[in-house]
Amino acid sequence: MAQWQEVQQLPPTYLERVHQLYTNTALPMTVRQSLADWIEDQDWYGGHRGMGRIPC
């Protein structure tokens, strides 16, 4: 959750922009906050490896 905690400590001007980005989205800010640890622990770059192959 380190990244999300850093976001929450941004100056008010930037934090307001973050709130605007999460308004009317499929992932509300409260959900993002609740899942912060899980989201930040995922291997988002390596998770796609092997996705193009169909097992026989």
PDB file of N, CA and C in Angstrom:
ATOM      1  N   MET A   1       0.832  -1.197   0.000  1.00  0.00           N
ATOM      2  CA  MET A   1       0.000   0.000   0.000  1.00  0.00           C
ATOM      3  C   MET A   1       0.867   1.247   0.000  1.00  0.00           C
ATOM      4  N   ALA A   2       2.132   1.119  -0.101  1.00  0.00           N
ATOM      5  CA  ALA A   2       3.040   2.258  -0.035  1.00  0.00           C
ATOM      6  C   ALA A   2       2.722   3.310  -1.089  1.00  0.00           C
ATOM      7  N   GLN A   3       2.435   2.883  -2.302  1.00  0.00           N
ATOM      8  CA  GLN A   3       2.143   3.851  -3.363  1.00  0.00           C
ATOM      9  C   GLN A   3       0.855   4.613  -3.076  1.00  0.00           C
ATOM     10  N   TRP A   4      -0.171   3.887  -2.630  1.00  0.00           N
ATOM     11  CA  TRP A   4      -1.446   4.549  -2.362  1.00  0.00           C
ATOM     12  C   TRP A   4      -1.313   5.516  -1.189  1.00  0.00           C
ATOM     13  N   GLN A   5      -0.514   5.165  -0.194  1.00  0.00           N
ATOM     14  CA  GLN A   5      -0.281   6.070   0.929  1.00  0.00           C
ATOM     15  C   GLN A   5       0.424   7.336   0.456  1.00  0.00           C
ATOM     16  N   GLU A   6       1.355   7.194  -0.473  1.00  0.00           N
ATOM     17  CA  GLU A   6       2.037   8.368  -1.023  1.00  0.00           C
ATOM     18  C   GLU A   6       1.057   9.255  -1.779  1.00  0.00           C
ATOM     19  N   VAL A   7       0.160   8.643  -2.522  1.00  0.00           N
ATOM     20  CA  VAL A   7      -0.855   9.420  -3.253  1.00  0.00           C
ATOM     21  C   VAL A   7      -1.709  10.211  -2.272  1.00  0.00           C
ATOM     22  N   GLN A   8      -2.100   9.585  -1.160  1.00  0.00           N
ATOM     23  CA  GLN A   8      -2.948  10.249  -0.178  1.00  0.00           C
ATOM     24  C   GLN A   8      -2.256  11.418   0.514  1.00  0.00           C
ATOM     25  N   GLN A   9      -0.935  11.496   0.412  1.00  0.00           N
ATOM     26  CA  GLN A   9      -0.185  12.580   1.043  1.00  0.00           C
ATOM     27  C   GLN A   9       0.195  13.686   0.058  1.00  0.00           C
ATOM     28  N   LEU A  10      -0.338  13.631  -1.150  1.00  0.00           N
ATOM     29  CA  LEU A  10      -0.053  14.679  -2.131  1.00  0.00           C
ATOM     30  C   LEU A  10      -0.628  16.014  -1.660  1.00  0.00           C
ATOM     31  N   PRO A  11      -0.078  17.119  -2.153  1.00  0.00           N
ATOM     32  CA  PRO A  11      -0.668  18.422  -1.844  1.00  0.00           C
ATOM     33  C   PRO A  11      -2.130  18.458  -2.321  1.00  0.00           C
ATOM     34  N   PRO A  12      -2.958  19.254  -1.666  1.00  0.00           N
ATOM     35  CA  PRO A  12      -4.394  19.279  -1.975  1.00  0.00           C
ATOM     36  C   PRO A  12      -4.729  19.453  -3.456  1.00  0.00           C
ATOM     37  N   THR A  13      -3.988  20.263  -4.168  1.00  0.00           N
ATOM     38  CA  THR A  13      -4.271  20.479  -5.591  1.00  0.00           C
ATOM     39  C   THR A  13      -4.163  19.169  -6.366  1.00  0.00           C
ATOM     40  N   TYR A  14      -3.113  18.414  -6.107  1.00  0.00           N
ATOM     41  CA  TYR A  14      -2.912  17.147  -6.809  1.00  0.00           C
ATOM     42  C   TYR A  14      -3.874  16.071  -6.322  1.00  0.00           C
ATOM     43  N   LEU A  15      -4.155  16.076  -5.036  1.00  0.00           N
ATOM     44  CA  LEU A  15      -5.089  15.103  -4.483  1.00  0.00           C
ATOM     45  C   LEU A  15      -6.487  15.313  -5.063  1.00  0.00           C
ATOM     46  N   GLU A  16      -6.865  16.550  -5.276  1.00  0.00           N
ATOM     47  CA  GLU A  16      -8.154  16.844  -5.904  1.00  0.00           C
ATOM     48  C   GLU A  16      -8.206  16.269  -7.315  1.00  0.00           C
ATOM     49  N   ARG A  17      -7.107  16.336  -8.024  1.00  0.00           N
ATOM     50  CA  ARG A  17      -7.039  15.768  -9.383  1.00  0.00           C
ATOM     51  C   ARG A  17      -7.208  14.249  -9.329  1.00  0.00           C
ATOM     52  N   VAL A  18      -6.610  13.612  -8.346  1.00  0.00           N
ATOM     53  CA  VAL A  18      -6.774  12.169  -8.176  1.00  0.00           C
ATOM     54  C   VAL A  18      -8.247  11.850  -7.924  1.00  0.00           C
ATOM     55  N   HIS A  19      -8.899  12.620  -7.073  1.00  0.00           N
ATOM     56  CA  HIS A  19     -10.326  12.419  -6.808  1.00  0.00           C
ATOM     57  C   HIS A  19     -11.134  12.577  -8.088  1.00  0.00           C
ATOM     58  N   GLN A  20     -10.788  13.549  -8.922  1.00  0.00           N
ATOM     59  CA  GLN A  20     -11.484  13.748 -10.197  1.00  0.00           C
ATOM     60  C   GLN A  20     -11.308  12.543 -11.113  1.00  0.00           C
ATOM     61  N   LEU A  21     -10.112  11.974 -11.134  1.00  0.00           N
ATOM     62  CA  LEU A  21      -9.853  10.813 -11.987  1.00  0.00           C
ATOM     63  C   LEU A  21     -10.679   9.598 -11.569  1.00  0.00           C
ATOM     64  N   TYR A  22     -10.964   9.477 -10.276  1.00  0.00           N
ATOM     65  CA  TYR A  22     -11.715   8.327  -9.782  1.00  0.00           C
ATOM     66  C   TYR A  22     -13.221   8.566  -9.758  1.00  0.00           C
ATOM     67  N   THR A  23     -13.675   9.737 -10.127  1.00  0.00           N
ATOM     68  CA  THR A  23     -15.100  10.024 -10.162  1.00  0.00           C
ATOM     69  C   THR A  23     -15.706   9.355 -11.390  1.00  0.00           C
ATOM     70  N   ASN A  24     -16.809   8.662 -11.197  1.00  0.00           N
ATOM     71  CA  ASN A  24     -17.523   7.981 -12.284  1.00  0.00           C
ATOM     72  C   ASN A  24     -16.655   6.966 -13.019  1.00  0.00           C
ATOM     73  N   THR A  25     -15.835   6.231 -12.304  1.00  0.00           N
ATOM     74  CA  THR A  25     -15.028   5.188 -12.927  1.00  0.00           C
ATOM     75  C   THR A  25     -15.531   3.817 -12.494  1.00  0.00           C
ATOM     76  N   ALA A  26     -15.062   2.800 -13.174  1.00  0.00           N
ATOM     77  CA  ALA A  26     -15.442   1.435 -12.826  1.00  0.00           C
ATOM     78  C   ALA A  26     -14.790   0.991 -11.518  1.00  0.00           C
ATOM     79  N   LEU A  27     -13.737   1.692 -11.110  1.00  0.00           N
ATOM     80  CA  LEU A  27     -13.032   1.367  -9.868  1.00  0.00           C
ATOM     81  C   LEU A  27     -13.070   2.588  -8.948  1.00  0.00           C
ATOM     82  N   PRO A  28     -14.107   2.696  -8.116  1.00  0.00           N
ATOM     83  CA  PRO A  28     -14.205   3.845  -7.217  1.00  0.00           C
ATOM     84  C   PRO A  28     -13.002   3.930  -6.277  1.00  0.00           C
ATOM     85  N   MET A  29     -12.723   5.116  -5.814  1.00  0.00           N
ATOM     86  CA  MET A  29     -11.564   5.348  -4.957  1.00  0.00           C
ATOM     87  C   MET A  29     -11.627   4.504  -3.685  1.00  0.00           C
ATOM     88  N   THR A  30     -12.799   4.303  -3.126  1.00  0.00           N
ATOM     89  CA  THR A  30     -12.899   3.497  -1.907  1.00  0.00           C
ATOM     90  C   THR A  30     -12.508   2.045  -2.173  1.00  0.00           C
ATOM     91  N   VAL A  31     -12.858   1.543  -3.351  1.00  0.00           N
ATOM     92  CA  VAL A  31     -12.467   0.182  -3.720  1.00  0.00           C
ATOM     93  C   VAL A  31     -10.962   0.129  -3.939  1.00  0.00           C
ATOM     94  N   ARG A  32     -10.420   1.135  -4.638  1.00  0.00           N
ATOM     95  CA  ARG A  32      -8.969   1.194  -4.883  1.00  0.00           C
ATOM     96  C   ARG A  32      -8.219   1.205  -3.557  1.00  0.00           C
ATOM     97  N   GLN A  33      -8.726   1.965  -2.615  1.00  0.00           N
ATOM     98  CA  GLN A  33      -8.083   2.052  -1.306  1.00  0.00           C
ATOM     99  C   GLN A  33      -8.154   0.710  -0.573  1.00  0.00           C
ATOM    100  N   SER A  34      -9.292   0.040  -0.651  1.00  0.00           N
ATOM    101  CA  SER A  34      -9.448  -1.251   0.025  1.00  0.00           C
ATOM    102  C   SER A  34      -8.562  -2.332  -0.576  1.00  0.00           C
ATOM    103  N   LEU A  35      -8.345  -2.262  -1.881  1.00  0.00           N
ATOM    104  CA  LEU A  35      -7.554  -3.275  -2.580  1.00  0.00           C
ATOM    105  C   LEU A  35      -6.110  -2.849  -2.815  1.00  0.00           C
ATOM    106  N   ALA A  36      -5.676  -1.775  -2.190  1.00  0.00           N
ATOM    107  CA  ALA A  36      -4.347  -1.207  -2.451  1.00  0.00           C
ATOM    108  C   ALA A  36      -3.231  -2.231  -2.306  1.00  0.00           C
ATOM    109  N   ASP A  37      -3.232  -2.986  -1.228  1.00  0.00           N
ATOM    110  CA  ASP A  37      -2.162  -3.974  -1.021  1.00  0.00           C
ATOM    111  C   ASP A  37      -2.151  -5.008  -2.140  1.00  0.00           C
ATOM    112  N   TRP A  38      -3.317  -5.545  -2.470  1.00  0.00           N
ATOM    113  CA  TRP A  38      -3.399  -6.571  -3.507  1.00  0.00           C
ATOM    114  C   TRP A  38      -2.987  -6.014  -4.867  1.00  0.00           C
ATOM    115  N   ILE A  39      -3.498  -4.845  -5.226  1.00  0.00           N
ATOM    116  CA  ILE A  39      -3.174  -4.232  -6.518  1.00  0.00           C
ATOM    117  C   ILE A  39      -1.677  -4.010  -6.648  1.00  0.00           C
ATOM    118  N   GLU A  40      -1.067  -3.485  -5.621  1.00  0.00           N
ATOM    119  CA  GLU A  40       0.356  -3.151  -5.683  1.00  0.00           C
ATOM    120  C   GLU A  40       1.251  -4.386  -5.621  1.00  0.00           C
ATOM    121  N   ASP A  41       0.722  -5.521  -5.161  1.00  0.00           N
ATOM    122  CA  ASP A  41       1.513  -6.751  -5.099  1.00  0.00           C
ATOM    123  C   ASP A  41       1.469  -7.566  -6.393  1.00  0.00           C
ATOM    124  N   GLN A  42       0.616  -7.175  -7.341  1.00  0.00           N
ATOM    125  CA  GLN A  42       0.485  -7.945  -8.575  1.00  0.00           C
ATOM    126  C   GLN A  42       1.661  -7.711  -9.516  1.00  0.00           C
ATOM    127  N   ASP A  43       1.964  -8.733 -10.318  1.00  0.00           N
ATOM    128  CA  ASP A  43       3.010  -8.647 -11.339  1.00  0.00           C
ATOM    129  C   ASP A  43       2.337  -8.202 -12.642  1.00  0.00           C
ATOM    130  N   TRP A  44       2.079  -6.908 -12.763  1.00  0.00           N
ATOM    131  CA  TRP A  44       1.331  -6.388 -13.905  1.00  0.00           C
ATOM    132  C   TRP A  44       2.114  -6.479 -15.205  1.00  0.00           C
ATOM    133  N   TYR A  45       3.421  -6.507 -15.126  1.00  0.00           N
ATOM    134  CA  TYR A  45       4.236  -6.588 -16.338  1.00  0.00           C
ATOM    135  C   TYR A  45       4.459  -8.032 -16.769  1.00  0.00           C
ATOM    136  N   GLY A  46       4.593  -8.929 -15.852  1.00  0.00           N
ATOM    137  CA  GLY A  46       4.849 -10.320 -16.186  1.00  0.00           C
ATOM    138  C   GLY A  46       3.597 -11.175 -16.248  1.00  0.00           C
ATOM    139  N   GLY A  47       2.472 -10.639 -15.861  1.00  0.00           N
ATOM    140  CA  GLY A  47       1.231 -11.393 -15.816  1.00  0.00           C
ATOM    141  C   GLY A  47       0.701 -11.816 -17.165  1.00  0.00           C
ATOM    142  N   HIS A  48       1.150 -11.193 -18.222  1.00  0.00           N
ATOM    143  CA  HIS A  48       0.649 -11.510 -19.558  1.00  0.00           C
ATOM    144  C   HIS A  48       1.441 -12.617 -20.246  1.00  0.00           C
ATOM    145  N   ARG A  49       2.525 -13.074 -19.662  1.00  0.00           N
ATOM    146  CA  ARG A  49       3.359 -14.110 -20.279  1.00  0.00           C
ATOM    147  C   ARG A  49       2.558 -15.385 -20.509  1.00  0.00           C
ATOM    148  N   GLY A  50       2.637 -15.888 -21.696  1.00  0.00           N
ATOM    149  CA  GLY A  50       1.970 -17.139 -22.025  1.00  0.00           C
ATOM    150  C   GLY A  50       0.492 -17.004 -22.326  1.00  0.00           C
ATOM    151  N   MET A  51      -0.019 -15.793 -22.402  1.00  0.00           N
ATOM    152  CA  MET A  51      -1.444 -15.593 -22.634  1.00  0.00           C
ATOM    153  C   MET A  51      -1.857 -15.955 -24.061  1.00  0.00           C
ATOM    154  N   GLY A  52      -0.926 -15.949 -25.015  1.00  0.00           N
ATOM    155  CA  GLY A  52      -1.273 -16.184 -26.412  1.00  0.00           C
ATOM    156  C   GLY A  52      -1.327 -17.647 -26.801  1.00  0.00           C
ATOM    157  N   ARG A  53      -0.966 -18.536 -25.911  1.00  0.00           N
ATOM    158  CA  ARG A  53      -0.929 -19.960 -26.244  1.00  0.00           C
ATOM    159  C   ARG A  53      -2.128 -20.684 -25.655  1.00  0.00           C
ATOM    160  N   ILE A  54      -2.653 -21.606 -26.439  1.00  0.00           N
ATOM    161  CA  ILE A  54      -3.758 -22.434 -25.965  1.00  0.00           C
ATOM    162  C   ILE A  54      -3.183 -23.801 -25.617  1.00  0.00           C
ATOM    163  N   PRO A  55      -3.374 -24.281 -24.398  1.00  0.00           N
ATOM    164  CA  PRO A  55      -2.826 -25.592 -24.031  1.00  0.00           C
ATOM    165  C   PRO A  55      -3.510 -26.707 -24.807  1.00  0.00           C
ATOM    166  N   CYS A  56      -2.753 -27.700 -25.207  1.00  0.00           N
ATOM    167  CA  CYS A  56      -3.301 -28.848 -25.964  1.00  0.00           C
ATOM    168  C   CYS A  56      -3.567 -30.004 -25.043  1.00  0.00           C
TER     169      CYS A  56
END
